Amino acid sequence: MSEAPSIEVLRAAVRTAVHSSSQRVVAEQIGLTHRGLAKLLDGSTPRENTRRKLLEWYVREGSAQRGPDETTARAALDVMLDGLPETRKAAATSRLINLVRKIHDQAGTQPPEWIDRLGNEKRE
């Protein structure tokens, strides 16, 4: 199963965004207080609700500088599967990845080259 981006990846994306903008603006985009974001940047471990906000922000805005990539897709998968029991996430992730492949096959297009790195899922 593909794993969501680590807190270190998310923290690095936040730092990049803060460098391009401001801590207050980025905190607002994420849905955190200025102080909460400062604690995160100082290395605190975020609570689950904060981690979810970070993932949603990352998918929405934090990865915009690089464009969509494997890490963005991992974050998006984690956001889409939020609420599923951990025991079901691997199978659900595999099904979503295979669905994306199938959609590309039907359209006669190539899926992004990094899609195969999202996991060891097999084509249907």
Protein backbone atom coordinates (compact mmCIF):
# COMPACT_ATOMS: atom_id res chain seq x y z
CA MET A 1 0.00 0.00 0.00
CA SER A 2 1.15 3.50 -0.64
CA GLU A 3 1.86 5.54 2.44
CA ALA A 4 0.88 9.16 2.85
CA PRO A 5 3.72 11.68 2.87
CA SER A 6 5.66 11.76 6.11
CA ILE A 7 5.39 14.67 8.47
CA GLU A 8 8.90 15.65 7.38
CA VAL A 9 7.75 15.95 3.75
CA LEU A 10 4.72 17.98 4.81
CA ARG A 11 6.83 20.19 7.08
CA ALA A 12 9.30 20.84 4.24
CA ALA A 13 6.44 21.84 1.93
CA VAL A 14 5.12 24.20 4.59
CA ARG A 15 8.57 25.76 5.01
CA THR A 16 8.81 26.30 1.25
CA ALA A 17 5.37 27.91 1.18
CA VAL A 18 6.22 30.14 4.16
CA HIS A 19 9.44 31.20 2.45
CA SER A 20 7.43 32.23 -0.64
CA SER A 21 4.67 33.91 1.33
CA SER A 22 4.32 34.32 5.08
CA GLN A 23 3.68 32.13 8.07
CA ARG A 24 0.32 33.79 8.73
CA VAL A 25 -0.89 33.29 5.15
CA VAL A 26 0.17 29.65 5.08
CA ALA A 27 -1.37 29.00 8.50
CA GLU A 28 -4.66 30.41 7.20
CA GLN A 29 -4.48 28.27 4.04
CA ILE A 30 -3.95 25.14 6.14
CA GLY A 31 -6.56 26.06 8.72
CA LEU A 32 -4.16 26.40 11.63
CA THR A 33 -3.41 29.21 13.99
CA HIS A 34 -0.20 31.15 13.47
CA ARG A 35 1.07 29.69 16.78
CA GLY A 36 0.10 26.15 15.80
CA LEU A 37 2.04 26.45 12.57
CA ALA A 38 5.04 27.88 14.42
CA LYS A 39 5.02 24.84 16.73
CA LEU A 40 4.85 22.52 13.75
CA LEU A 41 7.80 24.26 12.11
CA ASP A 42 9.71 24.01 15.40
CA GLY A 43 9.37 20.24 15.23
CA SER A 44 6.30 19.38 17.29
CA THR A 45 4.40 16.24 16.39
CA PRO A 46 1.00 17.21 15.01
CA ARG A 47 -2.23 15.71 16.26
CA GLU A 48 -4.26 13.64 13.82
CA ASN A 49 -6.62 16.52 13.01
CA THR A 50 -3.68 18.79 12.22
CA ARG A 51 -2.03 16.08 10.11
CA ARG A 52 -5.27 15.73 8.13
CA LYS A 53 -5.35 19.50 7.53
CA LEU A 54 -1.73 19.37 6.39
CA LEU A 55 -2.47 16.56 3.94
CA GLU A 56 -5.48 18.37 2.51
CA TRP A 57 -3.46 21.57 2.16
CA TYR A 58 -0.60 19.66 0.54
CA VAL A 59 -2.91 18.16 -2.06
CA ARG A 60 -4.64 21.49 -2.66
CA GLU A 61 -1.75 23.95 -2.57
CA GLY A 62 1.47 22.70 -1.05
CA SER A 63 2.59 20.69 -4.04
CA ALA A 64 1.59 23.33 -6.59
CA GLN A 65 5.19 24.40 -7.09
CA ARG A 66 6.28 20.96 -8.31
CA GLY A 67 3.07 19.92 -10.01
CA PRO A 68 1.36 16.60 -9.35
CA ASP A 69 3.73 13.79 -8.52
CA GLU A 70 3.89 10.55 -6.58
CA THR A 71 3.98 12.29 -3.21
CA THR A 72 0.95 14.42 -4.07
CA ALA A 73 -0.91 11.31 -5.22
CA ARG A 74 -0.07 9.53 -1.96
CA ALA A 75 -1.47 12.45 0.00
CA ALA A 76 -4.59 12.57 -2.18
CA LEU A 77 -5.17 8.84 -1.69
CA ASP A 78 -4.87 9.25 2.05
CA VAL A 79 -7.35 12.14 2.02
CA MET A 80 -9.82 10.23 -0.18
CA LEU A 81 -9.67 7.16 2.04
CA ASP A 82 -9.94 9.07 5.31
CA GLY A 83 -12.25 7.29 7.70
CA LEU A 84 -11.65 3.79 6.40
CA PRO A 85 -10.24 1.33 8.90
CA GLU A 86 -6.50 0.85 8.45
CA THR A 87 -7.15 -2.83 7.69
CA ARG A 88 -9.06 -1.82 4.55
CA LYS A 89 -6.89 1.00 3.25
CA ALA A 90 -4.39 -1.18 1.37
CA ALA A 91 -7.11 -2.87 -0.68
CA ALA A 92 -8.92 0.42 -1.28
CA THR A 93 -5.69 2.10 -2.39
CA SER A 94 -5.02 -0.73 -4.82
CA ARG A 95 -8.52 -0.47 -6.26
CA LEU A 96 -8.21 3.30 -6.79
CA ILE A 97 -4.83 2.95 -8.49
CA ASN A 98 -6.17 0.21 -10.75
CA LEU A 99 -9.20 2.35 -11.57
CA VAL A 100 -6.92 5.20 -12.67
CA ARG A 101 -4.99 2.76 -14.88
CA LYS A 102 -8.24 1.43 -16.36
CA ILE A 103 -9.52 4.95 -17.10
CA HIS A 104 -6.27 5.73 -18.93
CA ASP A 105 -6.46 2.43 -20.83
CA GLN A 106 -10.02 3.18 -21.94
CA ALA A 107 -9.03 6.70 -23.00
CA GLY A 108 -6.00 5.41 -24.89
CA THR A 109 -3.66 7.52 -22.78
CA GLN A 110 -0.72 6.72 -20.58
CA PRO A 111 -1.12 7.15 -16.83
CA PRO A 112 1.58 9.18 -15.09
CA GLU A 113 4.84 7.22 -15.05
CA TRP A 114 4.99 7.32 -11.25
CA ILE A 115 1.65 5.57 -10.76
CA ASP A 116 3.37 2.18 -10.62
CA ARG A 117 5.46 3.38 -7.68
CA LEU A 118 2.36 4.08 -5.59
CA GLY A 119 2.33 0.44 -4.60
CA ASN A 120 2.76 -3.06 -5.83
CA GLU A 121 -0.80 -3.25 -7.12
CA LYS A 122 -1.40 -5.38 -10.20
CA ARG A 123 -3.48 -4.42 -13.21
CA GLU A 124 -7.01 -5.77 -13.26
